[in-house]
Amino acid sequence: MMNEQVINYIESIVRKRSPLLAEMEQYAEEHHVPIMELVGIEALLGILSIQQPVRILEIGTAIGYSALRMAEALPGTEITTIERDEERYGTAQAFLTRSEHKSRIHTLFGDALELQAEVEKHGPYDAIFIDAAKGQYQKFFDLYSTMLTETGVVYSDNVLFKGLVAEEEIEQKRIRNMVKKLQKYNDWLMSHEDYETSILPVGDGIAISKKRGERK
């Protein structure tokens, strides 16, 4: 993971966000809503700008920050995003309706593990971004990777969990259990027969999983 000095430097030279995004960043900080770290989302947007996905599925809307950032960075992309927390879903709706990109962002309310039929209507997807309940990552991956295009990519956020996945001993039971689940997910990703995965130590850790393609 990058040290704080390097992170602060990168953040200082990143292009300023739109007033709406800046407002969302402030809201997230004041209300303790987890959104992607600035360095992490800048890296993700850079990769997506190379991939140029036509359709993205985001699992975990929160207040709509990352969905809007993707919409702003990718003018030709449609984004379907799922949120199960009613308050956060309502907040996301309030923010996103103020954006000129709102017509390209489709928000769905409910548990991602129960919305397969609705999500499939907006697919197939060139990219899937998993940023929701960490203990369910593998279930999300298994359920929705079936909706990927042949060149599709799955991006999983928070896979390094502030570096705690590398710690041998963690005192708090809740955190320890979460770390074990992420370690298990990372091991599963790296040994997956159908996907090639790389983990980038930026932000809170981003795993990039791409289909291997047919073996000769």
C-alpha atoms as a PDB file:
ATOM      1  CA  MET A   1       0.000   0.000   0.000  1.00  0.00           C
ATOM      2  CA  MET A   2       1.220   3.538  -0.737  1.00  0.00           C
ATOM      3  CA  ASN A   3       2.341   5.643   2.176  1.00  0.00           C
ATOM      4  CA  GLU A   4       0.344   8.674   3.250  1.00  0.00           C
ATOM      5  CA  GLN A   5       2.793  11.174   1.797  1.00  0.00           C
ATOM      6  CA  VAL A   6       2.499   9.676  -1.687  1.00  0.00           C
ATOM      7  CA  ILE A   7      -1.292   9.482  -1.401  1.00  0.00           C
ATOM      8  CA  ASN A   8      -1.484  13.145  -0.372  1.00  0.00           C
ATOM      9  CA  TYR A   9       0.722  14.106  -3.308  1.00  0.00           C
ATOM     10  CA  ILE A  10      -1.437  12.264  -5.843  1.00  0.00           C
ATOM     11  CA  GLU A  11      -4.616  13.724  -4.354  1.00  0.00           C
ATOM     12  CA  SER A  12      -3.126  17.211  -4.622  1.00  0.00           C
ATOM     13  CA  ILE A  13      -2.608  16.934  -8.381  1.00  0.00           C
ATOM     14  CA  VAL A  14      -5.821  15.103  -9.317  1.00  0.00           C
ATOM     15  CA  ARG A  15      -8.170  17.245 -11.370  1.00  0.00           C
ATOM     16  CA  LYS A  16     -10.883  18.940  -9.335  1.00  0.00           C
ATOM     17  CA  ARG A  17     -14.245  17.208  -9.390  1.00  0.00           C
ATOM     18  CA  SER A  18     -17.508  18.817 -10.471  1.00  0.00           C
ATOM     19  CA  PRO A  19     -19.451  20.795  -7.810  1.00  0.00           C
ATOM     20  CA  LEU A  20     -21.971  17.960  -7.470  1.00  0.00           C
ATOM     21  CA  LEU A  21     -19.248  15.368  -6.898  1.00  0.00           C
ATOM     22  CA  ALA A  22     -17.505  17.675  -4.419  1.00  0.00           C
ATOM     23  CA  GLU A  23     -20.795  17.983  -2.553  1.00  0.00           C
ATOM     24  CA  MET A  24     -21.130  14.201  -2.501  1.00  0.00           C
ATOM     25  CA  GLU A  25     -17.602  13.820  -1.151  1.00  0.00           C
ATOM     26  CA  GLN A  26     -18.402  16.255   1.641  1.00  0.00           C
ATOM     27  CA  TYR A  27     -21.684  14.470   2.408  1.00  0.00           C
ATOM     28  CA  ALA A  28     -19.903  11.116   2.585  1.00  0.00           C
ATOM     29  CA  GLU A  29     -17.327  12.490   4.997  1.00  0.00           C
ATOM     30  CA  GLU A  30     -19.895  14.171   7.252  1.00  0.00           C
ATOM     31  CA  HIS A  31     -22.255  11.179   7.338  1.00  0.00           C
ATOM     32  CA  HIS A  32     -19.559   8.487   7.462  1.00  0.00           C
ATOM     33  CA  VAL A  33     -20.635   6.896   4.200  1.00  0.00           C
ATOM     34  CA  PRO A  34     -17.862   4.766   2.676  1.00  0.00           C
ATOM     35  CA  ILE A  35     -17.031   5.832  -0.875  1.00  0.00           C
ATOM     36  CA  MET A  36     -13.978   4.871  -2.894  1.00  0.00           C
ATOM     37  CA  GLU A  37     -10.742   6.549  -1.910  1.00  0.00           C
ATOM     38  CA  LEU A  38      -9.724   9.207  -4.415  1.00  0.00           C
ATOM     39  CA  VAL A  39      -6.523   7.470  -5.555  1.00  0.00           C
ATOM     40  CA  GLY A  40      -8.379   4.184  -5.942  1.00  0.00           C
ATOM     41  CA  ILE A  41     -11.232   5.527  -8.034  1.00  0.00           C
ATOM     42  CA  GLU A  42      -8.840   7.513 -10.228  1.00  0.00           C
ATOM     43  CA  ALA A  43      -6.980   4.277 -10.960  1.00  0.00           C
ATOM     44  CA  LEU A  44     -10.238   2.443 -11.686  1.00  0.00           C
ATOM     45  CA  LEU A  45     -11.439   5.197 -14.017  1.00  0.00           C
ATOM     46  CA  GLY A  46      -8.123   5.117 -15.849  1.00  0.00           C
ATOM     47  CA  ILE A  47      -8.459   1.387 -16.486  1.00  0.00           C
ATOM     48  CA  LEU A  48     -12.098   1.727 -17.517  1.00  0.00           C
ATOM     49  CA  SER A  49     -11.185   4.494 -19.953  1.00  0.00           C
ATOM     50  CA  ILE A  50      -8.858   2.016 -21.658  1.00  0.00           C
ATOM     51  CA  GLN A  51     -11.437  -0.777 -21.632  1.00  0.00           C
ATOM     52  CA  GLN A  52     -14.290   1.497 -22.793  1.00  0.00           C
ATOM     53  CA  PRO A  53     -17.169  -0.687 -21.533  1.00  0.00           C
ATOM     54  CA  VAL A  54     -20.575  -0.120 -23.084  1.00  0.00           C
ATOM     55  CA  ARG A  55     -22.447  -1.361 -20.006  1.00  0.00           C
ATOM     56  CA  ILE A  56     -21.297  -1.521 -16.383  1.00  0.00           C
ATOM     57  CA  LEU A  57     -22.973  -3.275 -13.470  1.00  0.00           C
ATOM     58  CA  GLU A  58     -22.164  -1.821 -10.060  1.00  0.00           C
ATOM     59  CA  ILE A  59     -23.028  -3.815  -6.947  1.00  0.00           C
ATOM     60  CA  GLY A  60     -23.197  -1.323  -4.084  1.00  0.00           C
ATOM     61  CA  THR A  61     -24.441   2.157  -5.012  1.00  0.00           C
ATOM     62  CA  ALA A  62     -24.117   3.811  -1.580  1.00  0.00           C
ATOM     63  CA  ILE A  63     -24.863   7.479  -2.382  1.00  0.00           C
ATOM     64  CA  GLY A  64     -24.130   7.124  -6.114  1.00  0.00           C
ATOM     65  CA  TYR A  65     -20.645   8.642  -6.059  1.00  0.00           C
ATOM     66  CA  SER A  66     -18.734   5.990  -8.010  1.00  0.00           C
ATOM     67  CA  ALA A  67     -21.615   5.516 -10.459  1.00  0.00           C
ATOM     68  CA  LEU A  68     -21.575   9.223 -11.259  1.00  0.00           C
ATOM     69  CA  ARG A  69     -17.794   9.301 -11.542  1.00  0.00           C
ATOM     70  CA  MET A  70     -17.937   6.450 -14.042  1.00  0.00           C
ATOM     71  CA  ALA A  71     -20.715   8.185 -15.984  1.00  0.00           C
ATOM     72  CA  GLU A  72     -18.730  11.423 -16.174  1.00  0.00           C
ATOM     73  CA  ALA A  73     -15.545   9.645 -17.261  1.00  0.00           C
ATOM     74  CA  LEU A  74     -17.256   7.377 -19.807  1.00  0.00           C
ATOM     75  CA  PRO A  75     -19.758   9.419 -21.887  1.00  0.00           C
ATOM     76  CA  GLY A  76     -20.929   6.449 -23.944  1.00  0.00           C
ATOM     77  CA  THR A  77     -21.473   4.031 -21.062  1.00  0.00           C
ATOM     78  CA  GLU A  78     -24.701   2.824 -19.435  1.00  0.00           C
ATOM     79  CA  ILE A  79     -24.454   2.013 -15.728  1.00  0.00           C
ATOM     80  CA  THR A  80     -26.789  -0.218 -13.723  1.00  0.00           C
ATOM     81  CA  THR A  81     -26.243   0.052  -9.979  1.00  0.00           C
ATOM     82  CA  ILE A  82     -27.793  -1.804  -7.020  1.00  0.00           C
ATOM     83  CA  GLU A  83     -28.316  -0.638  -3.430  1.00  0.00           C
ATOM     84  CA  ARG A  84     -30.135  -2.461  -0.643  1.00  0.00           C
ATOM     85  CA  ASP A  85     -30.022   0.253   2.052  1.00  0.00           C
ATOM     86  CA  GLU A  86     -33.190   2.336   1.675  1.00  0.00           C
ATOM     87  CA  GLU A  87     -31.745   5.545   3.092  1.00  0.00           C
ATOM     88  CA  ARG A  88     -28.630   5.408   0.935  1.00  0.00           C
ATOM     89  CA  TYR A  89     -30.708   4.501  -2.115  1.00  0.00           C
ATOM     90  CA  GLY A  90     -32.875   7.576  -1.536  1.00  0.00           C
ATOM     91  CA  THR A  91     -29.818   9.783  -1.078  1.00  0.00           C
ATOM     92  CA  ALA A  92     -28.294   8.414  -4.273  1.00  0.00           C
ATOM     93  CA  GLN A  93     -31.488   9.134  -6.167  1.00  0.00           C
ATOM     94  CA  ALA A  94     -31.522  12.706  -4.862  1.00  0.00           C
ATOM     95  CA  PHE A  95     -27.943  13.294  -5.978  1.00  0.00           C
ATOM     96  CA  LEU A  96     -28.137  11.500  -9.331  1.00  0.00           C
ATOM     97  CA  THR A  97     -31.322  13.248 -10.470  1.00  0.00           C
ATOM     98  CA  ARG A  98     -29.342  16.505 -10.347  1.00  0.00           C
ATOM     99  CA  SER A  99     -26.767  15.198 -12.818  1.00  0.00           C
ATOM    100  CA  GLU A 100     -26.844  15.668 -16.571  1.00  0.00           C
ATOM    101  CA  HIS A 101     -25.804  12.001 -16.803  1.00  0.00           C
ATOM    102  CA  LYS A 102     -28.849  10.662 -14.932  1.00  0.00           C
ATOM    103  CA  SER A 103     -30.401   9.058 -18.037  1.00  0.00           C
ATOM    104  CA  ARG A 104     -27.432   6.659 -18.297  1.00  0.00           C
ATOM    105  CA  ILE A 105     -27.509   5.541 -14.646  1.00  0.00           C
ATOM    106  CA  HIS A 106     -30.149   2.937 -13.758  1.00  0.00           C
ATOM    107  CA  THR A 107     -30.552   2.504  -9.997  1.00  0.00           C
ATOM    108  CA  LEU A 108     -32.127  -0.639  -8.595  1.00  0.00           C
ATOM    109  CA  PHE A 109     -33.287  -0.997  -4.996  1.00  0.00           C
ATOM    110  CA  GLY A 110     -32.942  -4.336  -3.244  1.00  0.00           C
ATOM    111  CA  ASP A 111     -30.598  -7.151  -2.335  1.00  0.00           C
ATOM    112  CA  ALA A 112     -28.216  -7.874  -5.210  1.00  0.00           C
ATOM    113  CA  LEU A 113     -28.566 -11.597  -4.522  1.00  0.00           C
ATOM    114  CA  GLU A 114     -32.286 -11.362  -5.283  1.00  0.00           C
ATOM    115  CA  LEU A 115     -32.359  -9.068  -8.330  1.00  0.00           C
ATOM    116  CA  GLN A 116     -30.843 -11.300 -10.982  1.00  0.00           C
ATOM    117  CA  ALA A 117     -33.830 -11.167 -13.337  1.00  0.00           C
ATOM    118  CA  GLU A 118     -34.076  -7.370 -13.188  1.00  0.00           C
ATOM    119  CA  VAL A 119     -30.329  -6.888 -13.605  1.00  0.00           C
ATOM    120  CA  GLU A 120     -30.243  -9.206 -16.617  1.00  0.00           C
ATOM    121  CA  LYS A 121     -32.659  -6.920 -18.483  1.00  0.00           C
ATOM    122  CA  HIS A 122     -29.975  -4.220 -18.651  1.00  0.00           C
ATOM    123  CA  GLY A 123     -27.130  -6.551 -19.681  1.00  0.00           C
ATOM    124  CA  PRO A 124     -24.970  -8.093 -20.875  1.00  0.00           C
ATOM    125  CA  TYR A 125     -22.153  -6.196 -19.165  1.00  0.00           C
ATOM    126  CA  ASP A 126     -18.621  -5.409 -20.220  1.00  0.00           C
ATOM    127  CA  ALA A 127     -17.610  -4.618 -16.647  1.00  0.00           C
ATOM    128  CA  ILE A 128     -18.879  -5.535 -13.193  1.00  0.00           C
ATOM    129  CA  PHE A 129     -17.806  -3.480 -10.203  1.00  0.00           C
ATOM    130  CA  ILE A 130     -18.245  -5.174  -6.809  1.00  0.00           C
ATOM    131  CA  ASP A 131     -18.239  -2.761  -3.878  1.00  0.00           C
ATOM    132  CA  ALA A 132     -20.845  -4.026  -1.409  1.00  0.00           C
ATOM    133  CA  ALA A 133     -20.994  -6.494   1.519  1.00  0.00           C
ATOM    134  CA  LYS A 134     -17.485  -7.956   1.619  1.00  0.00           C
ATOM    135  CA  GLY A 135     -18.646 -11.286   2.984  1.00  0.00           C
ATOM    136  CA  GLN A 136     -20.781 -11.808  -0.151  1.00  0.00           C
ATOM    137  CA  TYR A 137     -18.179 -11.006  -2.812  1.00  0.00           C
ATOM    138  CA  GLN A 138     -17.857 -14.567  -4.082  1.00  0.00           C
ATOM    139  CA  LYS A 139     -21.631 -14.957  -4.330  1.00  0.00           C
ATOM    140  CA  PHE A 140     -21.878 -11.685  -6.261  1.00  0.00           C
ATOM    141  CA  PHE A 141     -19.096 -12.815  -8.586  1.00  0.00           C
ATOM    142  CA  ASP A 142     -20.631 -16.229  -9.240  1.00  0.00           C
ATOM    143  CA  LEU A 143     -24.121 -14.827  -9.786  1.00  0.00           C
ATOM    144  CA  TYR A 144     -23.315 -11.941 -12.110  1.00  0.00           C
ATOM    145  CA  SER A 145     -20.182 -13.007 -13.977  1.00  0.00           C
ATOM    146  CA  THR A 146     -22.561 -15.117 -16.077  1.00  0.00           C
ATOM    147  CA  MET A 147     -23.829 -11.817 -17.529  1.00  0.00           C
ATOM    148  CA  LEU A 148     -20.398 -10.705 -18.742  1.00  0.00           C
ATOM    149  CA  THR A 149     -19.537 -10.311 -22.397  1.00  0.00           C
ATOM    150  CA  GLU A 150     -16.713 -12.487 -23.741  1.00  0.00           C
ATOM    151  CA  THR A 151     -14.161  -9.756 -23.064  1.00  0.00           C
ATOM    152  CA  GLY A 152     -15.772  -8.710 -19.782  1.00  0.00           C
ATOM    153  CA  VAL A 153     -13.880  -7.770 -16.623  1.00  0.00           C
ATOM    154  CA  VAL A 154     -14.833  -7.964 -12.931  1.00  0.00           C
ATOM    155  CA  TYR A 155     -13.433  -5.281 -10.624  1.00  0.00           C
ATOM    156  CA  SER A 156     -13.584  -5.937  -6.858  1.00  0.00           C
ATOM    157  CA  ASP A 157     -12.894  -3.089  -4.440  1.00  0.00           C
ATOM    158  CA  ASN A 158     -11.593  -3.214  -0.843  1.00  0.00           C
ATOM    159  CA  VAL A 159      -9.793  -6.535  -1.320  1.00  0.00           C
ATOM    160  CA  LEU A 160      -6.790  -5.411   0.774  1.00  0.00           C
ATOM    161  CA  PHE A 161      -8.982  -3.914   3.523  1.00  0.00           C
ATOM    162  CA  LYS A 162      -6.554  -1.193   4.625  1.00  0.00           C
ATOM    163  CA  GLY A 163      -3.704  -3.701   4.475  1.00  0.00           C
ATOM    164  CA  LEU A 164      -5.246  -5.909   7.154  1.00  0.00           C
ATOM    165  CA  VAL A 165      -5.310  -8.949   4.845  1.00  0.00           C
ATOM    166  CA  ALA A 166      -1.540  -9.099   5.348  1.00  0.00           C
ATOM    167  CA  GLU A 167      -1.719  -9.030   9.161  1.00  0.00           C
ATOM    168  CA  GLU A 168      -1.185 -12.295  11.008  1.00  0.00           C
ATOM    169  CA  GLU A 169      -3.029 -11.341  14.193  1.00  0.00           C
ATOM    170  CA  ILE A 170      -6.090  -9.106  14.538  1.00  0.00           C
ATOM    171  CA  GLU A 171      -7.637  -8.570  17.960  1.00  0.00           C
ATOM    172  CA  GLN A 172     -11.184  -7.494  17.101  1.00  0.00           C
ATOM    173  CA  LYS A 173     -13.289 -10.532  16.251  1.00  0.00           C
ATOM    174  CA  ARG A 174     -15.549  -8.715  13.759  1.00  0.00           C
ATOM    175  CA  ILE A 175     -12.600  -7.316  11.828  1.00  0.00           C
ATOM    176  CA  ARG A 176     -10.774 -10.645  12.014  1.00  0.00           C
ATOM    177  CA  ASN A 177     -13.750 -12.461  10.522  1.00  0.00           C
ATOM    178  CA  MET A 178     -14.062  -9.910   7.725  1.00  0.00           C
ATOM    179  CA  VAL A 179     -10.368 -10.217   6.927  1.00  0.00           C
ATOM    180  CA  LYS A 180     -10.651 -14.010   6.757  1.00  0.00           C
ATOM    181  CA  LYS A 181     -13.523 -13.712   4.285  1.00  0.00           C
ATOM    182  CA  LEU A 182     -11.535 -11.342   2.077  1.00  0.00           C
ATOM    183  CA  GLN A 183      -8.450 -13.547   2.242  1.00  0.00           C
ATOM    184  CA  LYS A 184     -10.589 -16.505   1.187  1.00  0.00           C
ATOM    185  CA  TYR A 185     -12.080 -14.465  -1.667  1.00  0.00           C
ATOM    186  CA  ASN A 186      -8.663 -13.317  -2.860  1.00  0.00           C
ATOM    187  CA  ASP A 187      -7.331 -16.881  -2.797  1.00  0.00           C
ATOM    188  CA  TRP A 188     -10.401 -18.050  -4.711  1.00  0.00           C
ATOM    189  CA  LEU A 189      -9.959 -15.323  -7.329  1.00  0.00           C
ATOM    190  CA  MET A 190      -6.269 -16.001  -7.850  1.00  0.00           C
ATOM    191  CA  SER A 191      -6.851 -19.730  -8.364  1.00  0.00           C
ATOM    192  CA  HIS A 192      -9.980 -19.383 -10.525  1.00  0.00           C
ATOM    193  CA  GLU A 193      -9.751 -21.579 -13.618  1.00  0.00           C
ATOM    194  CA  ASP A 194     -11.714 -19.211 -15.845  1.00  0.00           C
ATOM    195  CA  TYR A 195     -10.312 -15.818 -14.807  1.00  0.00           C
ATOM    196  CA  GLU A 196      -6.905 -14.199 -14.671  1.00  0.00           C
ATOM    197  CA  THR A 197      -6.710 -11.856 -11.676  1.00  0.00           C
ATOM    198  CA  SER A 198      -4.331  -9.073 -10.676  1.00  0.00           C
ATOM    199  CA  ILE A 199      -4.568  -7.104  -7.429  1.00  0.00           C
ATOM    200  CA  LEU A 200      -3.548  -3.449  -7.472  1.00  0.00           C
ATOM    201  CA  PRO A 201      -2.406  -1.995  -4.111  1.00  0.00           C
ATOM    202  CA  VAL A 202      -4.129   1.357  -4.722  1.00  0.00           C
ATOM    203  CA  GLY A 203      -6.905   2.864  -2.647  1.00  0.00           C
ATOM    204  CA  ASP A 204      -8.178  -0.014  -0.531  1.00  0.00           C
ATOM    205  CA  GLY A 205      -7.034  -2.616  -3.038  1.00  0.00           C
ATOM    206  CA  ILE A 206      -8.661  -3.393  -6.404  1.00  0.00           C
ATOM    207  CA  ALA A 207      -8.797  -6.882  -7.918  1.00  0.00           C
ATOM    208  CA  ILE A 208      -9.092  -7.053 -11.701  1.00  0.00           C
ATOM    209  CA  SER A 209     -10.415 -10.354 -13.036  1.00  0.00           C
ATOM    210  CA  LYS A 210     -10.538 -10.992 -16.788  1.00  0.00           C
ATOM    211  CA  LYS A 211     -11.763 -14.070 -18.602  1.00  0.00           C
ATOM    212  CA  ARG A 212      -8.900 -16.310 -19.670  1.00  0.00           C
ATOM    213  CA  GLY A 213     -10.441 -17.168 -23.022  1.00  0.00           C
ATOM    214  CA  GLU A 214     -10.314 -20.523 -24.761  1.00  0.00           C
ATOM    215  CA  ARG A 215      -7.286 -22.702 -24.074  1.00  0.00           C
ATOM    216  CA  LYS A 216      -5.502 -24.015 -27.148  1.00  0.00           C
END
